[in-house]
Amino acid sequence: MSLMLQTFMDRLQKASEPDAFGRAMTGIADTFGFTKFGYLGLPRPAPHQPIYVTNYPTEWVNHYASRRYQDIDPVVVRAHAGLLPFIWDGTNPGAHASDEQRRLFGEAGEFGIGGGFAVPIHDTQGGVAVVSFVTDQKPQALRKTIQEHRDTLHLASIYFHVHARQKLERVIVPDRPHLSPREIACLQWVVRGKSTWDISEILTISRRTVVFHLENAKRKLNSVTLPQAVSVALQNRLIEF
């Protein structure tokens, strides 16, 4: 066990990009039978942006970030309220969960994120982070895993947070989408309230070409609607108000 932790810490020491951090934590998660992990750092003071490092599907991460689900996520809310790690179950959000929170858990379940073990981390500046190890184990098996390895998972989470906070504070989401200059320009004019016809006149291209660029942007941003694409682009700072 000590060798595994030492290897993990060595990887964190060398890591400088989200992918390297993700690979290091994926190794820990796999060791204990967790299928996924998510790290969400909420540094303080403002205007620091949330830090995401995870092997969750990119579509879910973008969806979560664009809707600012960190503000209502029951796991994050509980992490804000306490210091002790806890088991969470998306199929049983509790009697006091709001409709929006139930919808969040329902949507997460569609991406295979249904429950697991969460580690809250509080820093001296008022920042909060949470590391969530996701599993498809049955509750009894999960409790046995946690009983045996709680301290190791807790320690690994703290080490991860320290390095991630130092090196990734400016990172907003993994796999930042790449849009062409024309796609960005079209989305930027949408934010300013222009129609596809207006944009075609401003950019001196056909309306069909504007629609083509906007559809490409929606696809690259994993968005179903244009407002959703605009929200994701704003979250990733590809465009601005």
C-alpha atoms as a PDB file:
ATOM      1  CA  MET A   1       0.000   0.000   0.000  1.00  0.00           C
ATOM      2  CA  SER A   2       2.823   2.413   0.885  1.00  0.00           C
ATOM      3  CA  LEU A   3       4.457   1.744  -2.519  1.00  0.00           C
ATOM      4  CA  MET A   4       1.185   2.527  -4.291  1.00  0.00           C
ATOM      5  CA  LEU A   5       0.846   5.833  -2.435  1.00  0.00           C
ATOM      6  CA  GLN A   6       4.463   6.738  -3.107  1.00  0.00           C
ATOM      7  CA  THR A   7       3.993   6.077  -6.824  1.00  0.00           C
ATOM      8  CA  PHE A   8       0.841   8.190  -6.765  1.00  0.00           C
ATOM      9  CA  MET A   9       2.609  11.089  -5.035  1.00  0.00           C
ATOM     10  CA  ASP A  10       5.511  10.884  -7.496  1.00  0.00           C
ATOM     11  CA  ARG A  11       3.053  11.162 -10.396  1.00  0.00           C
ATOM     12  CA  LEU A  12       1.376  14.176  -8.805  1.00  0.00           C
ATOM     13  CA  GLN A  13       4.735  15.831  -8.270  1.00  0.00           C
ATOM     14  CA  LYS A  14       5.554  15.516 -11.971  1.00  0.00           C
ATOM     15  CA  ALA A  15       2.063  16.349 -13.254  1.00  0.00           C
ATOM     16  CA  SER A  16       1.332  19.785 -14.702  1.00  0.00           C
ATOM     17  CA  GLU A  17      -1.703  19.209 -16.940  1.00  0.00           C
ATOM     18  CA  PRO A  18      -5.204  17.879 -16.159  1.00  0.00           C
ATOM     19  CA  ASP A  19      -4.614  14.687 -18.140  1.00  0.00           C
ATOM     20  CA  ALA A  20      -1.570  13.771 -16.045  1.00  0.00           C
ATOM     21  CA  PHE A  21      -3.466  14.418 -12.821  1.00  0.00           C
ATOM     22  CA  GLY A  22      -6.368  12.386 -14.159  1.00  0.00           C
ATOM     23  CA  ARG A  23      -4.164   9.403 -14.949  1.00  0.00           C
ATOM     24  CA  ALA A  24      -2.661   9.476 -11.468  1.00  0.00           C
ATOM     25  CA  MET A  25      -6.050   9.478  -9.746  1.00  0.00           C
ATOM     26  CA  THR A  26      -7.502   6.925 -12.156  1.00  0.00           C
ATOM     27  CA  GLY A  27      -4.799   4.528 -10.974  1.00  0.00           C
ATOM     28  CA  ILE A  28      -5.899   4.959  -7.357  1.00  0.00           C
ATOM     29  CA  ALA A  29      -9.581   4.605  -8.235  1.00  0.00           C
ATOM     30  CA  ASP A  30      -8.981   1.430 -10.244  1.00  0.00           C
ATOM     31  CA  THR A  31      -6.992  -0.116  -7.408  1.00  0.00           C
ATOM     32  CA  PHE A  32     -10.019  -0.007  -5.112  1.00  0.00           C
ATOM     33  CA  GLY A  33     -12.643  -0.929  -7.688  1.00  0.00           C
ATOM     34  CA  PHE A  34     -14.011   2.537  -8.463  1.00  0.00           C
ATOM     35  CA  THR A  35     -15.068   3.038 -12.073  1.00  0.00           C
ATOM     36  CA  LYS A  36     -14.771   6.830 -12.166  1.00  0.00           C
ATOM     37  CA  PHE A  37     -13.607   9.765 -10.117  1.00  0.00           C
ATOM     38  CA  GLY A  38     -14.340  13.466 -10.066  1.00  0.00           C
ATOM     39  CA  TYR A  39     -12.395  16.295  -8.473  1.00  0.00           C
ATOM     40  CA  LEU A  40     -14.096  19.678  -8.130  1.00  0.00           C
ATOM     41  CA  GLY A  41     -12.129  22.511  -6.589  1.00  0.00           C
ATOM     42  CA  LEU A  42     -13.903  25.722  -5.589  1.00  0.00           C
ATOM     43  CA  PRO A  43     -11.064  28.093  -4.639  1.00  0.00           C
ATOM     44  CA  ARG A  44     -11.572  31.309  -2.725  1.00  0.00           C
ATOM     45  CA  PRO A  45     -11.443  34.233  -2.903  1.00  0.00           C
ATOM     46  CA  ALA A  46     -13.303  35.119  -6.105  1.00  0.00           C
ATOM     47  CA  PRO A  47     -12.876  35.395  -9.038  1.00  0.00           C
ATOM     48  CA  HIS A  48     -11.123  32.017  -9.143  1.00  0.00           C
ATOM     49  CA  GLN A  49     -12.952  29.575 -11.405  1.00  0.00           C
ATOM     50  CA  PRO A  50     -13.919  26.008 -10.459  1.00  0.00           C
ATOM     51  CA  ILE A  51     -11.251  23.403 -11.163  1.00  0.00           C
ATOM     52  CA  TYR A  52     -12.415  20.162 -12.774  1.00  0.00           C
ATOM     53  CA  VAL A  53     -10.237  17.051 -13.051  1.00  0.00           C
ATOM     54  CA  THR A  54     -12.139  13.883 -13.806  1.00  0.00           C
ATOM     55  CA  ASN A  55     -12.543  10.870 -16.043  1.00  0.00           C
ATOM     56  CA  TYR A  56     -16.296  11.474 -16.273  1.00  0.00           C
ATOM     57  CA  PRO A  57     -17.593  11.701 -19.867  1.00  0.00           C
ATOM     58  CA  THR A  58     -16.718  15.112 -21.309  1.00  0.00           C
ATOM     59  CA  GLU A  59     -20.336  15.644 -22.358  1.00  0.00           C
ATOM     60  CA  TRP A  60     -21.442  15.345 -18.730  1.00  0.00           C
ATOM     61  CA  VAL A  61     -18.673  17.659 -17.458  1.00  0.00           C
ATOM     62  CA  ASN A  62     -19.624  20.351 -19.968  1.00  0.00           C
ATOM     63  CA  HIS A  63     -23.310  19.914 -19.139  1.00  0.00           C
ATOM     64  CA  TYR A  64     -22.597  20.113 -15.384  1.00  0.00           C
ATOM     65  CA  ALA A  65     -20.356  23.171 -15.727  1.00  0.00           C
ATOM     66  CA  SER A  66     -22.633  25.076 -18.107  1.00  0.00           C
ATOM     67  CA  ARG A  67     -25.565  24.735 -15.700  1.00  0.00           C
ATOM     68  CA  ARG A  68     -23.447  25.552 -12.638  1.00  0.00           C
ATOM     69  CA  TYR A  69     -24.641  22.354 -11.012  1.00  0.00           C
ATOM     70  CA  GLN A  70     -21.913  22.766  -8.390  1.00  0.00           C
ATOM     71  CA  ASP A  71     -24.223  25.311  -6.765  1.00  0.00           C
ATOM     72  CA  ILE A  72     -26.953  22.726  -6.070  1.00  0.00           C
ATOM     73  CA  ASP A  73     -25.210  19.341  -6.276  1.00  0.00           C
ATOM     74  CA  PRO A  74     -26.144  17.550  -3.001  1.00  0.00           C
ATOM     75  CA  VAL A  75     -22.663  16.008  -2.819  1.00  0.00           C
ATOM     76  CA  VAL A  76     -21.018  19.443  -3.068  1.00  0.00           C
ATOM     77  CA  VAL A  77     -23.542  20.979  -0.668  1.00  0.00           C
ATOM     78  CA  ARG A  78     -22.752  18.309   1.906  1.00  0.00           C
ATOM     79  CA  ALA A  79     -19.005  18.786   1.327  1.00  0.00           C
ATOM     80  CA  HIS A  80     -19.425  22.478   2.143  1.00  0.00           C
ATOM     81  CA  ALA A  81     -21.184  21.586   5.395  1.00  0.00           C
ATOM     82  CA  GLY A  82     -18.741  19.071   6.861  1.00  0.00           C
ATOM     83  CA  LEU A  83     -15.216  17.699   6.990  1.00  0.00           C
ATOM     84  CA  LEU A  84     -15.816  13.955   7.148  1.00  0.00           C
ATOM     85  CA  PRO A  85     -15.897  11.688   4.056  1.00  0.00           C
ATOM     86  CA  PHE A  86     -19.261  10.135   3.263  1.00  0.00           C
ATOM     87  CA  ILE A  87     -21.030   7.631   1.018  1.00  0.00           C
ATOM     88  CA  TRP A  88     -23.609   9.095  -1.366  1.00  0.00           C
ATOM     89  CA  ASP A  89     -26.347   7.434  -3.397  1.00  0.00           C
ATOM     90  CA  GLY A  90     -27.862   9.175  -6.401  1.00  0.00           C
ATOM     91  CA  THR A  91     -30.835   6.824  -6.401  1.00  0.00           C
ATOM     92  CA  ASN A  92     -31.749   7.974  -2.894  1.00  0.00           C
ATOM     93  CA  PRO A  93     -31.231  11.774  -2.741  1.00  0.00           C
ATOM     94  CA  GLY A  94     -33.262  12.135   0.461  1.00  0.00           C
ATOM     95  CA  ALA A  95     -36.655  13.514   1.332  1.00  0.00           C
ATOM     96  CA  HIS A  96     -35.449  17.114   1.360  1.00  0.00           C
ATOM     97  CA  ALA A  97     -33.891  17.059  -2.115  1.00  0.00           C
ATOM     98  CA  SER A  98     -35.350  19.602  -4.521  1.00  0.00           C
ATOM     99  CA  ASP A  99     -36.767  18.698  -7.931  1.00  0.00           C
ATOM    100  CA  GLU A 100     -33.682  20.245  -9.523  1.00  0.00           C
ATOM    101  CA  GLN A 101     -31.366  18.123  -7.380  1.00  0.00           C
ATOM    102  CA  ARG A 102     -33.323  14.985  -8.240  1.00  0.00           C
ATOM    103  CA  ARG A 103     -33.050  15.868 -11.915  1.00  0.00           C
ATOM    104  CA  LEU A 104     -29.282  16.377 -11.515  1.00  0.00           C
ATOM    105  CA  PHE A 105     -28.871  12.909 -10.004  1.00  0.00           C
ATOM    106  CA  GLY A 106     -31.105  11.420 -12.695  1.00  0.00           C
ATOM    107  CA  GLU A 107     -29.029  12.991 -15.457  1.00  0.00           C
ATOM    108  CA  ALA A 108     -25.777  11.886 -13.790  1.00  0.00           C
ATOM    109  CA  GLY A 109     -27.094   8.332 -13.598  1.00  0.00           C
ATOM    110  CA  GLU A 110     -27.484   8.300 -17.375  1.00  0.00           C
ATOM    111  CA  PHE A 111     -23.704   8.759 -17.587  1.00  0.00           C
ATOM    112  CA  GLY A 112     -22.980   5.954 -15.123  1.00  0.00           C
ATOM    113  CA  ILE A 113     -22.499   8.290 -12.147  1.00  0.00           C
ATOM    114  CA  GLY A 114     -24.890   6.854  -9.607  1.00  0.00           C
ATOM    115  CA  GLY A 115     -23.157   6.759  -6.254  1.00  0.00           C
ATOM    116  CA  GLY A 116     -19.883   6.484  -4.430  1.00  0.00           C
ATOM    117  CA  PHE A 117     -17.585   7.863  -1.763  1.00  0.00           C
ATOM    118  CA  ALA A 118     -16.911  11.586  -1.381  1.00  0.00           C
ATOM    119  CA  VAL A 119     -14.046  13.320   0.426  1.00  0.00           C
ATOM    120  CA  PRO A 120     -14.571  17.001   1.381  1.00  0.00           C
ATOM    121  CA  ILE A 121     -11.470  19.190   1.675  1.00  0.00           C
ATOM    122  CA  HIS A 122     -11.499  22.674   3.218  1.00  0.00           C
ATOM    123  CA  ASP A 123      -8.575  25.082   2.970  1.00  0.00           C
ATOM    124  CA  THR A 124      -7.581  28.026   5.162  1.00  0.00           C
ATOM    125  CA  GLN A 125      -8.785  30.592   2.603  1.00  0.00           C
ATOM    126  CA  GLY A 126     -12.371  29.377   2.663  1.00  0.00           C
ATOM    127  CA  GLY A 127     -12.048  27.243  -0.443  1.00  0.00           C
ATOM    128  CA  VAL A 128     -13.718  23.859  -0.682  1.00  0.00           C
ATOM    129  CA  ALA A 129     -12.971  20.845  -2.834  1.00  0.00           C
ATOM    130  CA  VAL A 130     -14.539  17.430  -3.121  1.00  0.00           C
ATOM    131  CA  VAL A 131     -13.119  14.216  -4.521  1.00  0.00           C
ATOM    132  CA  SER A 132     -15.802  11.722  -5.446  1.00  0.00           C
ATOM    133  CA  PHE A 133     -14.977   8.094  -6.190  1.00  0.00           C
ATOM    134  CA  VAL A 134     -17.808   6.549  -8.218  1.00  0.00           C
ATOM    135  CA  THR A 135     -18.727   2.884  -8.127  1.00  0.00           C
ATOM    136  CA  ASP A 136     -21.337   0.466  -9.363  1.00  0.00           C
ATOM    137  CA  GLN A 137     -20.771  -1.766  -6.316  1.00  0.00           C
ATOM    138  CA  LYS A 138     -23.780  -2.679  -4.239  1.00  0.00           C
ATOM    139  CA  PRO A 139     -24.084  -0.720  -0.960  1.00  0.00           C
ATOM    140  CA  GLN A 140     -22.856  -3.597   1.216  1.00  0.00           C
ATOM    141  CA  ALA A 141     -19.746  -4.131  -0.909  1.00  0.00           C
ATOM    142  CA  LEU A 142     -19.080  -0.379  -1.024  1.00  0.00           C
ATOM    143  CA  ARG A 143     -19.287  -0.089   2.756  1.00  0.00           C
ATOM    144  CA  LYS A 144     -16.780  -2.940   3.103  1.00  0.00           C
ATOM    145  CA  THR A 145     -14.381  -1.229   0.672  1.00  0.00           C
ATOM    146  CA  ILE A 146     -14.665   2.062   2.544  1.00  0.00           C
ATOM    147  CA  GLN A 147     -14.233   0.402   5.924  1.00  0.00           C
ATOM    148  CA  GLU A 148     -10.961  -1.136   4.750  1.00  0.00           C
ATOM    149  CA  HIS A 149      -9.533   1.762   2.731  1.00  0.00           C
ATOM    150  CA  ARG A 150     -11.120   4.974   3.999  1.00  0.00           C
ATOM    151  CA  ASP A 151      -7.866   6.425   5.350  1.00  0.00           C
ATOM    152  CA  THR A 152      -5.928   5.700   2.149  1.00  0.00           C
ATOM    153  CA  LEU A 153      -8.597   7.289  -0.050  1.00  0.00           C
ATOM    154  CA  HIS A 154      -8.795  10.276   2.277  1.00  0.00           C
ATOM    155  CA  LEU A 155      -5.035  10.788   2.250  1.00  0.00           C
ATOM    156  CA  ALA A 156      -4.799  10.372  -1.531  1.00  0.00           C
ATOM    157  CA  SER A 157      -7.566  12.955  -1.985  1.00  0.00           C
ATOM    158  CA  ILE A 158      -5.761  15.504   0.164  1.00  0.00           C
ATOM    159  CA  TYR A 159      -2.478  15.019  -1.700  1.00  0.00           C
ATOM    160  CA  PHE A 160      -4.348  15.353  -4.989  1.00  0.00           C
ATOM    161  CA  HIS A 161      -6.045  18.566  -3.883  1.00  0.00           C
ATOM    162  CA  VAL A 162      -2.798  20.202  -2.754  1.00  0.00           C
ATOM    163  CA  HIS A 163      -1.103  19.629  -6.100  1.00  0.00           C
ATOM    164  CA  ALA A 164      -4.169  20.387  -8.202  1.00  0.00           C
ATOM    165  CA  ARG A 165      -4.798  23.668  -6.383  1.00  0.00           C
ATOM    166  CA  GLN A 166      -1.187  24.766  -6.899  1.00  0.00           C
ATOM    167  CA  LYS A 167      -0.879  23.806 -10.546  1.00  0.00           C
ATOM    168  CA  LEU A 168      -4.357  23.910 -12.085  1.00  0.00           C
ATOM    169  CA  GLU A 169      -6.087  26.877 -10.487  1.00  0.00           C
ATOM    170  CA  ARG A 170      -6.662  28.519 -13.858  1.00  0.00           C
ATOM    171  CA  VAL A 171      -8.089  25.392 -15.490  1.00  0.00           C
ATOM    172  CA  ILE A 172     -11.874  25.573 -15.967  1.00  0.00           C
ATOM    173  CA  VAL A 173     -12.828  22.290 -17.602  1.00  0.00           C
ATOM    174  CA  PRO A 174     -10.882  19.417 -19.188  1.00  0.00           C
ATOM    175  CA  ASP A 175     -10.719  19.008 -22.935  1.00  0.00           C
ATOM    176  CA  ARG A 176     -11.515  22.648 -23.696  1.00  0.00           C
ATOM    177  CA  PRO A 177     -13.403  22.634 -27.005  1.00  0.00           C
ATOM    178  CA  HIS A 178     -11.696  24.100 -30.058  1.00  0.00           C
ATOM    179  CA  LEU A 179     -13.855  26.285 -32.284  1.00  0.00           C
ATOM    180  CA  SER A 180     -12.840  27.872 -35.565  1.00  0.00           C
ATOM    181  CA  PRO A 181     -12.650  31.697 -35.771  1.00  0.00           C
ATOM    182  CA  ARG A 182     -15.869  31.732 -37.824  1.00  0.00           C
ATOM    183  CA  GLU A 183     -17.707  29.542 -35.303  1.00  0.00           C
ATOM    184  CA  ILE A 184     -16.596  31.818 -32.481  1.00  0.00           C
ATOM    185  CA  ALA A 185     -17.620  34.920 -34.409  1.00  0.00           C
ATOM    186  CA  CYS A 186     -21.078  33.532 -35.135  1.00  0.00           C
ATOM    187  CA  LEU A 187     -21.634  32.567 -31.494  1.00  0.00           C
ATOM    188  CA  GLN A 188     -20.364  35.951 -30.338  1.00  0.00           C
ATOM    189  CA  TRP A 189     -22.950  37.736 -32.494  1.00  0.00           C
ATOM    190  CA  VAL A 190     -25.668  35.402 -31.187  1.00  0.00           C
ATOM    191  CA  VAL A 191     -24.777  36.549 -27.647  1.00  0.00           C
ATOM    192  CA  ARG A 192     -25.268  40.125 -28.851  1.00  0.00           C
ATOM    193  CA  GLY A 193     -28.779  39.338 -29.962  1.00  0.00           C
ATOM    194  CA  LYS A 194     -28.245  39.078 -33.709  1.00  0.00           C
ATOM    195  CA  SER A 195     -30.265  36.750 -35.930  1.00  0.00           C
ATOM    196  CA  THR A 196     -28.687  34.418 -38.458  1.00  0.00           C
ATOM    197  CA  TRP A 197     -29.678  36.894 -41.150  1.00  0.00           C
ATOM    198  CA  ASP A 198     -28.013  39.769 -39.276  1.00  0.00           C
ATOM    199  CA  ILE A 199     -24.862  37.702 -38.791  1.00  0.00           C
ATOM    200  CA  SER A 200     -24.723  36.841 -42.493  1.00  0.00           C
ATOM    201  CA  GLU A 201     -24.822  40.551 -43.322  1.00  0.00           C
ATOM    202  CA  ILE A 202     -22.203  41.469 -40.704  1.00  0.00           C
ATOM    203  CA  LEU A 203     -19.773  38.715 -41.741  1.00  0.00           C
ATOM    204  CA  THR A 204     -20.627  38.978 -45.445  1.00  0.00           C
ATOM    205  CA  ILE A 205     -21.399  35.291 -45.748  1.00  0.00           C
ATOM    206  CA  SER A 206     -24.599  33.486 -46.663  1.00  0.00           C
ATOM    207  CA  ARG A 207     -27.238  32.706 -44.062  1.00  0.00           C
ATOM    208  CA  ARG A 208     -26.778  29.025 -44.877  1.00  0.00           C
ATOM    209  CA  THR A 209     -23.076  29.341 -44.021  1.00  0.00           C
ATOM    210  CA  VAL A 210     -23.930  30.994 -40.693  1.00  0.00           C
ATOM    211  CA  VAL A 211     -26.250  28.094 -39.850  1.00  0.00           C
ATOM    212  CA  PHE A 212     -23.487  25.670 -40.873  1.00  0.00           C
ATOM    213  CA  HIS A 213     -20.995  27.294 -38.476  1.00  0.00           C
ATOM    214  CA  LEU A 214     -23.501  27.389 -35.624  1.00  0.00           C
ATOM    215  CA  GLU A 215     -24.407  23.730 -36.104  1.00  0.00           C
ATOM    216  CA  ASN A 216     -20.709  22.814 -36.049  1.00  0.00           C
ATOM    217  CA  ALA A 217     -20.254  24.835 -32.855  1.00  0.00           C
ATOM    218  CA  LYS A 218     -23.200  23.050 -31.213  1.00  0.00           C
ATOM    219  CA  ARG A 219     -21.725  19.678 -32.130  1.00  0.00           C
ATOM    220  CA  LYS A 220     -18.248  20.546 -30.815  1.00  0.00           C
ATOM    221  CA  LEU A 221     -19.732  21.879 -27.584  1.00  0.00           C
ATOM    222  CA  ASN A 222     -21.883  18.756 -27.091  1.00  0.00           C
ATOM    223  CA  SER A 223     -24.986  20.943 -27.089  1.00  0.00           C
ATOM    224  CA  VAL A 224     -28.490  20.195 -28.298  1.00  0.00           C
ATOM    225  CA  THR A 225     -29.698  23.792 -28.541  1.00  0.00           C
ATOM    226  CA  LEU A 226     -28.059  27.082 -29.484  1.00  0.00           C
ATOM    227  CA  PRO A 227     -28.587  28.636 -26.022  1.00  0.00           C
ATOM    228  CA  GLN A 228     -26.874  25.612 -24.500  1.00  0.00           C
ATOM    229  CA  ALA A 229     -23.937  26.033 -26.913  1.00  0.00           C
ATOM    230  CA  VAL A 230     -23.676  29.703 -25.958  1.00  0.00           C
ATOM    231  CA  SER A 231     -23.684  28.777 -22.263  1.00  0.00           C
ATOM    232  CA  VAL A 232     -20.887  26.211 -22.712  1.00  0.00           C
ATOM    233  CA  ALA A 233     -18.843  28.647 -24.833  1.00  0.00           C
ATOM    234  CA  LEU A 234     -19.187  31.330 -22.157  1.00  0.00           C
ATOM    235  CA  GLN A 235     -18.197  28.866 -19.443  1.00  0.00           C
ATOM    236  CA  ASN A 236     -15.068  27.980 -21.427  1.00  0.00           C
ATOM    237  CA  ARG A 237     -14.364  31.664 -22.145  1.00  0.00           C
ATOM    238  CA  LEU A 238     -14.475  31.081 -25.881  1.00  0.00           C
ATOM    239  CA  ILE A 239     -16.801  34.078 -26.178  1.00  0.00           C
ATOM    240  CA  GLU A 240     -17.816  36.871 -23.836  1.00  0.00           C
ATOM    241  CA  PHE A 241     -20.866  38.945 -22.975  1.00  0.00           C
END
